[in-house]
Amino acid sequence: GKAMIAKEETTHDDETRTLHHRIFEGDLTKDYKKFESIIEVNPKPNGHGSIVSWSIVYERMKEDSPAPFAYLAFFHQNLVDVSSQLSVSE
């Protein structure tokens, strides 16, 4: 895909194992007033592995702005990276 530029703010909460990314400048702001992603990592009840939830919160700039499906490959690669990091730390 095409390279894109974005400025983001990332916060984390170790207690809830949550990462919050907020895009506030760049290419995505042409289509979205608001674009955030939230990653939550919860250990499985049996203690082996974790369950990762990734939510996307967005508000379109205009009604005809596209749904953010084009970013799924990027998000998938990030999940693969997080998964490999969690596997190393277990």
PDB file of N, CA and C in Angstrom:
ATOM      1  N   GLY A   1       0.793  -1.176   0.000  1.00  0.00           N
ATOM      2  CA  GLY A   1       0.000   0.000   0.000  1.00  0.00           C
ATOM      3  C   GLY A   1       0.842   1.249   0.000  1.00  0.00           C
ATOM      4  N   LYS A   2       0.180   2.339  -0.033  1.00  0.00           N
ATOM      5  CA  LYS A   2       0.809   3.655  -0.073  1.00  0.00           C
ATOM      6  C   LYS A   2       1.285   4.050   1.323  1.00  0.00           C
ATOM      7  N   ALA A   3       2.478   4.643   1.384  1.00  0.00           N
ATOM      8  CA  ALA A   3       2.999   5.136   2.666  1.00  0.00           C
ATOM      9  C   ALA A   3       2.153   6.322   3.115  1.00  0.00           C
ATOM     10  N   MET A   4       1.899   6.383   4.417  1.00  0.00           N
ATOM     11  CA  MET A   4       1.099   7.468   4.971  1.00  0.00           C
ATOM     12  C   MET A   4       1.853   8.086   6.137  1.00  0.00           C
ATOM     13  N   ILE A   5       1.538   9.327   6.400  1.00  0.00           N
ATOM     14  CA  ILE A   5       2.150  10.040   7.515  1.00  0.00           C
ATOM     15  C   ILE A   5       1.076  10.286   8.564  1.00  0.00           C
ATOM     16  N   ALA A   6       1.446  10.067   9.824  1.00  0.00           N
ATOM     17  CA  ALA A   6       0.507  10.323  10.921  1.00  0.00           C
ATOM     18  C   ALA A   6       1.285  10.695  12.173  1.00  0.00           C
ATOM     19  N   LYS A   7       0.744  11.619  12.906  1.00  0.00           N
ATOM     20  CA  LYS A   7       1.250  11.902  14.245  1.00  0.00           C
ATOM     21  C   LYS A   7       0.247  11.299  15.194  1.00  0.00           C
ATOM     22  N   GLU A   8       0.765  10.586  16.176  1.00  0.00           N
ATOM     23  CA  GLU A   8      -0.135   9.926  17.111  1.00  0.00           C
ATOM     24  C   GLU A   8       0.343  10.120  18.535  1.00  0.00           C
ATOM     25  N   GLU A   9      -0.589   9.996  19.422  1.00  0.00           N
ATOM     26  CA  GLU A   9      -0.305   9.995  20.850  1.00  0.00           C
ATOM     27  C   GLU A   9      -0.621   8.587  21.337  1.00  0.00           C
ATOM     28  N   THR A  10       0.312   8.004  22.052  1.00  0.00           N
ATOM     29  CA  THR A  10       0.111   6.660  22.575  1.00  0.00           C
ATOM     30  C   THR A  10       0.190   6.703  24.089  1.00  0.00           C
ATOM     31  N   THR A  11      -0.808   6.136  24.722  1.00  0.00           N
ATOM     32  CA  THR A  11      -0.799   6.010  26.178  1.00  0.00           C
ATOM     33  C   THR A  11      -0.998   4.541  26.517  1.00  0.00           C
ATOM     34  N   HIS A  12      -0.565   4.177  27.699  1.00  0.00           N
ATOM     35  CA  HIS A  12      -0.753   2.786  28.127  1.00  0.00           C
ATOM     36  C   HIS A  12      -1.107   2.743  29.602  1.00  0.00           C
ATOM     37  N   ASP A  13      -1.752   1.665  29.965  1.00  0.00           N
ATOM     38  CA  ASP A  13      -2.120   1.418  31.351  1.00  0.00           C
ATOM     39  C   ASP A  13      -1.690  -0.006  31.674  1.00  0.00           C
ATOM     40  N   ASP A  14      -0.625  -0.130  32.449  1.00  0.00           N
ATOM     41  CA  ASP A  14      -0.106  -1.457  32.780  1.00  0.00           C
ATOM     42  C   ASP A  14      -1.108  -2.291  33.567  1.00  0.00           C
ATOM     43  N   GLU A  15      -1.868  -1.638  34.426  1.00  0.00           N
ATOM     44  CA  GLU A  15      -2.823  -2.366  35.263  1.00  0.00           C
ATOM     45  C   GLU A  15      -3.906  -3.050  34.429  1.00  0.00           C
ATOM     46  N   THR A  16      -4.420  -2.341  33.425  1.00  0.00           N
ATOM     47  CA  THR A  16      -5.473  -2.919  32.583  1.00  0.00           C
ATOM     48  C   THR A  16      -4.914  -3.528  31.298  1.00  0.00           C
ATOM     49  N   ARG A  17      -3.604  -3.455  31.123  1.00  0.00           N
ATOM     50  CA  ARG A  17      -2.928  -3.986  29.925  1.00  0.00           C
ATOM     51  C   ARG A  17      -3.556  -3.422  28.658  1.00  0.00           C
ATOM     52  N   THR A  18      -3.637  -2.103  28.620  1.00  0.00           N
ATOM     53  CA  THR A  18      -4.293  -1.414  27.517  1.00  0.00           C
ATOM     54  C   THR A  18      -3.345  -0.402  26.867  1.00  0.00           C
ATOM     55  N   LEU A  19      -3.344  -0.374  25.527  1.00  0.00           N
ATOM     56  CA  LEU A  19      -2.655   0.649  24.743  1.00  0.00           C
ATOM     57  C   LEU A  19      -3.714   1.450  24.006  1.00  0.00           C
ATOM     58  N   HIS A  20      -3.561   2.753  24.002  1.00  0.00           N
ATOM     59  CA  HIS A  20      -4.519   3.628  23.329  1.00  0.00           C
ATOM     60  C   HIS A  20      -3.723   4.516  22.373  1.00  0.00           C
ATOM     61  N   HIS A  21      -4.027   4.412  21.078  1.00  0.00           N
ATOM     62  CA  HIS A  21      -3.386   5.232  20.052  1.00  0.00           C
ATOM     63  C   HIS A  21      -4.415   6.225  19.523  1.00  0.00           C
ATOM     64  N   ARG A  22      -4.011   7.498  19.477  1.00  0.00           N
ATOM     65  CA  ARG A  22      -4.897   8.540  18.949  1.00  0.00           C
ATOM     66  C   ARG A  22      -4.150   9.296  17.859  1.00  0.00           C
ATOM     67  N   ILE A  23      -4.698   9.280  16.642  1.00  0.00           N
ATOM     68  CA  ILE A  23      -4.117  10.030  15.530  1.00  0.00           C
ATOM     69  C   ILE A  23      -4.633  11.462  15.618  1.00  0.00           C
ATOM     70  N   PHE A  24      -3.713  12.440  15.605  1.00  0.00           N
ATOM     71  CA  PHE A  24      -4.167  13.824  15.706  1.00  0.00           C
ATOM     72  C   PHE A  24      -3.685  14.698  14.551  1.00  0.00           C
ATOM     73  N   GLU A  25      -2.865  14.141  13.655  1.00  0.00           N
ATOM     74  CA  GLU A  25      -2.394  14.923  12.516  1.00  0.00           C
ATOM     75  C   GLU A  25      -1.908  13.969  11.433  1.00  0.00           C
ATOM     76  N   GLY A  26      -2.040  14.370  10.181  1.00  0.00           N
ATOM     77  CA  GLY A  26      -1.515  13.567   9.084  1.00  0.00           C
ATOM     78  C   GLY A  26      -2.583  13.133   8.099  1.00  0.00           C
ATOM     79  N   ASP A  27      -2.226  12.138   7.273  1.00  0.00           N
ATOM     80  CA  ASP A  27      -3.090  11.697   6.182  1.00  0.00           C
ATOM     81  C   ASP A  27      -4.470  11.224   6.646  1.00  0.00           C
ATOM     82  N   LEU A  28      -4.540  10.540   7.759  1.00  0.00           N
ATOM     83  CA  LEU A  28      -5.833  10.020   8.223  1.00  0.00           C
ATOM     84  C   LEU A  28      -6.819  11.127   8.585  1.00  0.00           C
ATOM     85  N   THR A  29      -6.302  12.282   8.969  1.00  0.00           N
ATOM     86  CA  THR A  29      -7.203  13.369   9.366  1.00  0.00           C
ATOM     87  C   THR A  29      -7.911  13.998   8.166  1.00  0.00           C
ATOM     88  N   LYS A  30      -7.538  13.592   6.950  1.00  0.00           N
ATOM     89  CA  LYS A  30      -8.270  14.059   5.765  1.00  0.00           C
ATOM     90  C   LYS A  30      -9.632  13.376   5.669  1.00  0.00           C
ATOM     91  N   ASP A  31      -9.712  12.127   6.145  1.00  0.00           N
ATOM     92  CA  ASP A  31     -10.959  11.359   6.068  1.00  0.00           C
ATOM     93  C   ASP A  31     -11.691  11.233   7.398  1.00  0.00           C
ATOM     94  N   TYR A  32     -10.972  11.433   8.514  1.00  0.00           N
ATOM     95  CA  TYR A  32     -11.569  11.168   9.825  1.00  0.00           C
ATOM     96  C   TYR A  32     -11.345  12.330  10.785  1.00  0.00           C
ATOM     97  N   LYS A  33     -12.410  12.750  11.448  1.00  0.00           N
ATOM     98  CA  LYS A  33     -12.305  13.742  12.521  1.00  0.00           C
ATOM     99  C   LYS A  33     -11.632  13.112  13.729  1.00  0.00           C
ATOM    100  N   LYS A  34     -11.930  11.835  13.930  1.00  0.00           N
ATOM    101  CA  LYS A  34     -11.421  11.099  15.089  1.00  0.00           C
ATOM    102  C   LYS A  34     -10.974   9.727  14.592  1.00  0.00           C
ATOM    103  N   PHE A  35      -9.761   9.311  14.993  1.00  0.00           N
ATOM    104  CA  PHE A  35      -9.287   7.976  14.638  1.00  0.00           C
ATOM    105  C   PHE A  35      -8.435   7.477  15.797  1.00  0.00           C
ATOM    106  N   GLU A  36      -8.940   6.494  16.493  1.00  0.00           N
ATOM    107  CA  GLU A  36      -8.257   5.942  17.662  1.00  0.00           C
ATOM    108  C   GLU A  36      -8.298   4.426  17.602  1.00  0.00           C
ATOM    109  N   SER A  37      -7.297   3.810  18.169  1.00  0.00           N
ATOM    110  CA  SER A  37      -7.330   2.357  18.320  1.00  0.00           C
ATOM    111  C   SER A  37      -6.983   2.015  19.762  1.00  0.00           C
ATOM    112  N   ILE A  38      -7.629   0.991  20.248  1.00  0.00           N
ATOM    113  CA  ILE A  38      -7.446   0.553  21.633  1.00  0.00           C
ATOM    114  C   ILE A  38      -7.126  -0.932  21.606  1.00  0.00           C
ATOM    115  N   ILE A  39      -5.989  -1.278  22.185  1.00  0.00           N
ATOM    116  CA  ILE A  39      -5.563  -2.676  22.258  1.00  0.00           C
ATOM    117  C   ILE A  39      -5.616  -3.092  23.723  1.00  0.00           C
ATOM    118  N   GLU A  40      -6.319  -4.181  23.982  1.00  0.00           N
ATOM    119  CA  GLU A  40      -6.442  -4.721  25.335  1.00  0.00           C
ATOM    120  C   GLU A  40      -5.916  -6.150  25.330  1.00  0.00           C
ATOM    121  N   VAL A  41      -5.043  -6.471  26.272  1.00  0.00           N
ATOM    122  CA  VAL A  41      -4.477  -7.815  26.379  1.00  0.00           C
ATOM    123  C   VAL A  41      -4.903  -8.401  27.718  1.00  0.00           C
ATOM    124  N   ASN A  42      -5.609  -9.529  27.657  1.00  0.00           N
ATOM    125  CA  ASN A  42      -6.084 -10.185  28.876  1.00  0.00           C
ATOM    126  C   ASN A  42      -5.570 -11.616  28.922  1.00  0.00           C
ATOM    127  N   PRO A  43      -4.957 -12.008  30.043  1.00  0.00           N
ATOM    128  CA  PRO A  43      -4.491 -13.390  30.164  1.00  0.00           C
ATOM    129  C   PRO A  43      -5.669 -14.359  30.099  1.00  0.00           C
ATOM    130  N   LYS A  44      -5.429 -15.497  29.472  1.00  0.00           N
ATOM    131  CA  LYS A  44      -6.461 -16.538  29.445  1.00  0.00           C
ATOM    132  C   LYS A  44      -6.640 -17.085  30.855  1.00  0.00           C
ATOM    133  N   PRO A  45      -7.856 -17.517  31.197  1.00  0.00           N
ATOM    134  CA  PRO A  45      -8.118 -18.025  32.549  1.00  0.00           C
ATOM    135  C   PRO A  45      -7.217 -19.197  32.946  1.00  0.00           C
ATOM    136  N   ASN A  46      -6.803 -20.011  31.964  1.00  0.00           N
ATOM    137  CA  ASN A  46      -5.962 -21.162  32.294  1.00  0.00           C
ATOM    138  C   ASN A  46      -4.498 -20.781  32.489  1.00  0.00           C
ATOM    139  N   GLY A  47      -4.177 -19.486  32.284  1.00  0.00           N
ATOM    140  CA  GLY A  47      -2.814 -19.028  32.501  1.00  0.00           C
ATOM    141  C   GLY A  47      -1.877 -19.258  31.332  1.00  0.00           C
ATOM    142  N   HIS A  48      -2.360 -19.837  30.250  1.00  0.00           N
ATOM    143  CA  HIS A  48      -1.533 -20.101  29.075  1.00  0.00           C
ATOM    144  C   HIS A  48      -1.957 -19.193  27.928  1.00  0.00           C
ATOM    145  N   GLY A  49      -1.189 -18.148  27.684  1.00  0.00           N
ATOM    146  CA  GLY A  49      -1.494 -17.239  26.587  1.00  0.00           C
ATOM    147  C   GLY A  49      -2.406 -16.100  27.003  1.00  0.00           C
ATOM    148  N   SER A  50      -2.768 -15.324  26.027  1.00  0.00           N
ATOM    149  CA  SER A  50      -3.605 -14.145  26.261  1.00  0.00           C
ATOM    150  C   SER A  50      -4.609 -13.984  25.131  1.00  0.00           C
ATOM    151  N   ILE A  51      -5.618 -13.198  25.402  1.00  0.00           N
ATOM    152  CA  ILE A  51      -6.607 -12.826  24.394  1.00  0.00           C
ATOM    153  C   ILE A  51      -6.416 -11.335  24.129  1.00  0.00           C
ATOM    154  N   VAL A  52      -6.250 -10.976  22.853  1.00  0.00           N
ATOM    155  CA  VAL A  52      -6.034  -9.587  22.472  1.00  0.00           C
ATOM    156  C   VAL A  52      -7.288  -9.072  21.781  1.00  0.00           C
ATOM    157  N   SER A  53      -7.780  -7.931  22.254  1.00  0.00           N
ATOM    158  CA  SER A  53      -8.914  -7.255  21.617  1.00  0.00           C
ATOM    159  C   SER A  53      -8.409  -5.938  21.047  1.00  0.00           C
ATOM    160  N   TRP A  54      -8.781  -5.669  19.814  1.00  0.00           N
ATOM    161  CA  TRP A  54      -8.373  -4.418  19.178  1.00  0.00           C
ATOM    162  C   TRP A  54      -9.624  -3.721  18.687  1.00  0.00           C
ATOM    163  N   SER A  55      -9.864  -2.533  19.194  1.00  0.00           N
ATOM    164  CA  SER A  55     -11.041  -1.747  18.799  1.00  0.00           C
ATOM    165  C   SER A  55     -10.584  -0.515  18.032  1.00  0.00           C
ATOM    166  N   ILE A  56     -11.347  -0.160  17.027  1.00  0.00           N
ATOM    167  CA  ILE A  56     -11.090   1.064  16.276  1.00  0.00           C
ATOM    168  C   ILE A  56     -12.277   1.991  16.503  1.00  0.00           C
ATOM    169  N   VAL A  57     -11.977   3.208  16.920  1.00  0.00           N
ATOM    170  CA  VAL A  57     -13.007   4.219  17.138  1.00  0.00           C
ATOM    171  C   VAL A  57     -12.721   5.338  16.142  1.00  0.00           C
ATOM    172  N   TYR A  58     -13.684   5.619  15.272  1.00  0.00           N
ATOM    173  CA  TYR A  58     -13.454   6.659  14.273  1.00  0.00           C
ATOM    174  C   TYR A  58     -14.726   7.441  14.010  1.00  0.00           C
ATOM    175  N   GLU A  59     -14.522   8.670  13.546  1.00  0.00           N
ATOM    176  CA  GLU A  59     -15.632   9.512  13.111  1.00  0.00           C
ATOM    177  C   GLU A  59     -15.248  10.073  11.749  1.00  0.00           C
ATOM    178  N   ARG A  60     -16.075   9.824  10.766  1.00  0.00           N
ATOM    179  CA  ARG A  60     -15.788  10.263   9.400  1.00  0.00           C
ATOM    180  C   ARG A  60     -15.846  11.783   9.284  1.00  0.00           C
ATOM    181  N   MET A  61     -14.950  12.316   8.455  1.00  0.00           N
ATOM    182  CA  MET A  61     -14.942  13.754   8.191  1.00  0.00           C
ATOM    183  C   MET A  61     -16.191  14.141   7.393  1.00  0.00           C
ATOM    184  N   LYS A  62     -16.534  13.291   6.404  1.00  0.00           N
ATOM    185  CA  LYS A  62     -17.716  13.511   5.566  1.00  0.00           C
ATOM    186  C   LYS A  62     -18.459  12.184   5.469  1.00  0.00           C
ATOM    187  N   GLU A  63     -19.715  12.237   5.079  1.00  0.00           N
ATOM    188  CA  GLU A  63     -20.505  11.004   4.955  1.00  0.00           C
ATOM    189  C   GLU A  63     -19.897  10.017   3.976  1.00  0.00           C
ATOM    190  N   ASP A  64     -19.247  10.527   2.921  1.00  0.00           N
ATOM    191  CA  ASP A  64     -18.674   9.626   1.922  1.00  0.00           C
ATOM    192  C   ASP A  64     -17.222   9.239   2.214  1.00  0.00           C
ATOM    193  N   SER A  65     -16.692   9.637   3.362  1.00  0.00           N
ATOM    194  CA  SER A  65     -15.354   9.173   3.757  1.00  0.00           C
ATOM    195  C   SER A  65     -15.411   7.660   3.924  1.00  0.00           C
ATOM    196  N   PRO A  66     -14.357   6.960   3.511  1.00  0.00           N
ATOM    197  CA  PRO A  66     -14.407   5.497   3.538  1.00  0.00           C
ATOM    198  C   PRO A  66     -14.366   4.930   4.958  1.00  0.00           C
ATOM    199  N   ALA A  67     -14.973   3.761   5.113  1.00  0.00           N
ATOM    200  CA  ALA A  67     -14.777   3.012   6.360  1.00  0.00           C
ATOM    201  C   ALA A  67     -13.306   2.593   6.376  1.00  0.00           C
ATOM    202  N   PRO A  68     -12.697   2.438   7.540  1.00  0.00           N
ATOM    203  CA  PRO A  68     -11.251   2.205   7.598  1.00  0.00           C
ATOM    204  C   PRO A  68     -10.814   0.766   7.310  1.00  0.00           C
ATOM    205  N   PHE A  69     -11.476   0.083   6.389  1.00  0.00           N
ATOM    206  CA  PHE A  69     -11.113  -1.297   6.062  1.00  0.00           C
ATOM    207  C   PHE A  69      -9.700  -1.406   5.498  1.00  0.00           C
ATOM    208  N   ALA A  70      -9.234  -0.370   4.813  1.00  0.00           N
ATOM    209  CA  ALA A  70      -7.914  -0.409   4.188  1.00  0.00           C
ATOM    210  C   ALA A  70      -6.794  -0.563   5.220  1.00  0.00           C
ATOM    211  N   TYR A  71      -7.066  -0.287   6.462  1.00  0.00           N
ATOM    212  CA  TYR A  71      -6.034  -0.337   7.495  1.00  0.00           C
ATOM    213  C   TYR A  71      -5.966  -1.685   8.205  1.00  0.00           C
ATOM    214  N   LEU A  72      -6.824  -2.614   7.823  1.00  0.00           N
ATOM    215  CA  LEU A  72      -6.861  -3.916   8.503  1.00  0.00           C
ATOM    216  C   LEU A  72      -5.553  -4.688   8.373  1.00  0.00           C
ATOM    217  N   ALA A  73      -4.893  -4.638   7.217  1.00  0.00           N
ATOM    218  CA  ALA A  73      -3.615  -5.346   7.053  1.00  0.00           C
ATOM    219  C   ALA A  73      -2.571  -4.783   8.009  1.00  0.00           C
ATOM    220  N   PHE A  74      -2.550  -3.464   8.154  1.00  0.00           N
ATOM    221  CA  PHE A  74      -1.633  -2.823   9.101  1.00  0.00           C
ATOM    222  C   PHE A  74      -1.924  -3.284  10.525  1.00  0.00           C
ATOM    223  N   PHE A  75      -3.196  -3.283  10.897  1.00  0.00           N
ATOM    224  CA  PHE A  75      -3.572  -3.710  12.240  1.00  0.00           C
ATOM    225  C   PHE A  75      -3.252  -5.186  12.454  1.00  0.00           C
ATOM    226  N   HIS A  76      -3.478  -5.999  11.426  1.00  0.00           N
ATOM    227  CA  HIS A  76      -3.170  -7.429  11.541  1.00  0.00           C
ATOM    228  C   HIS A  76      -1.684  -7.627  11.814  1.00  0.00           C
ATOM    229  N   GLN A  77      -0.825  -6.915  11.096  1.00  0.00           N
ATOM    230  CA  GLN A  77       0.616  -7.054  11.316  1.00  0.00           C
ATOM    231  C   GLN A  77       0.988  -6.631  12.734  1.00  0.00           C
ATOM    232  N   ASN A  78       0.355  -5.595  13.231  1.00  0.00           N
ATOM    233  CA  ASN A  78       0.614  -5.179  14.607  1.00  0.00           C
ATOM    234  C   ASN A  78       0.206  -6.260  15.597  1.00  0.00           C
ATOM    235  N   LEU A  79      -0.917  -6.922  15.355  1.00  0.00           N
ATOM    236  CA  LEU A  79      -1.339  -8.012  16.240  1.00  0.00           C
ATOM    237  C   LEU A  79      -0.342  -9.161  16.210  1.00  0.00           C
ATOM    238  N   VAL A  80       0.179  -9.470  15.031  1.00  0.00           N
ATOM    239  CA  VAL A  80       1.193 -10.517  14.916  1.00  0.00           C
ATOM    240  C   VAL A  80       2.425 -10.122  15.735  1.00  0.00           C
ATOM    241  N   ASP A  81       2.842  -8.861  15.646  1.00  0.00           N
ATOM    242  CA  ASP A  81       3.997  -8.384  16.407  1.00  0.00           C
ATOM    243  C   ASP A  81       3.754  -8.458  17.910  1.00  0.00           C
ATOM    244  N   VAL A  82       2.576  -8.024  18.353  1.00  0.00           N
ATOM    245  CA  VAL A  82       2.234  -8.091  19.781  1.00  0.00           C
ATOM    246  C   VAL A  82       2.222  -9.543  20.242  1.00  0.00           C
ATOM    247  N   SER A  83       1.650 -10.413  19.439  1.00  0.00           N
ATOM    248  CA  SER A  83       1.584 -11.833  19.785  1.00  0.00           C
ATOM    249  C   SER A  83       2.976 -12.420  19.957  1.00  0.00           C
ATOM    250  N   SER A  84       3.891 -12.079  19.054  1.00  0.00           N
ATOM    251  CA  SER A  84       5.243 -12.625  19.174  1.00  0.00           C
ATOM    252  C   SER A  84       5.941 -12.085  20.416  1.00  0.00           C
ATOM    253  N   GLN A  85       5.705 -10.820  20.767  1.00  0.00           N
ATOM    254  CA  GLN A  85       6.300 -10.260  21.983  1.00  0.00           C
ATOM    255  C   GLN A  85       5.747 -10.932  23.234  1.00  0.00           C
ATOM    256  N   LEU A  86       4.449 -11.189  23.240  1.00  0.00           N
ATOM    257  CA  LEU A  86       3.842 -11.856  24.394  1.00  0.00           C
ATOM    258  C   LEU A  86       4.354 -13.285  24.522  1.00  0.00           C
ATOM    259  N   SER A  87       4.561 -13.957  23.400  1.00  0.00           N
ATOM    260  CA  SER A  87       5.064 -15.332  23.434  1.00  0.00           C
ATOM    261  C   SER A  87       6.467 -15.382  24.010  1.00  0.00           C
ATOM    262  N   VAL A  88       7.292 -14.400  23.680  1.00  0.00           N
ATOM    263  CA  VAL A  88       8.661 -14.341  24.190  1.00  0.00           C
ATOM    264  C   VAL A  88       8.659 -14.114  25.694  1.00  0.00           C
ATOM    265  N   SER A  89       7.722 -13.302  26.188  1.00  0.00           N
ATOM    266  CA  SER A  89       7.717 -12.945  27.609  1.00  0.00           C
ATOM    267  C   SER A  89       7.076 -13.998  28.499  1.00  0.00           C
ATOM    268  N   GLU A  90       6.437 -14.999  27.912  1.00  0.00           N
ATOM    269  CA  GLU A  90       5.780 -16.020  28.745  1.00  0.00           C
ATOM    270  C   GLU A  90       6.746 -17.106  29.141  1.00  0.00           C
TER     271      GLU A  90
END
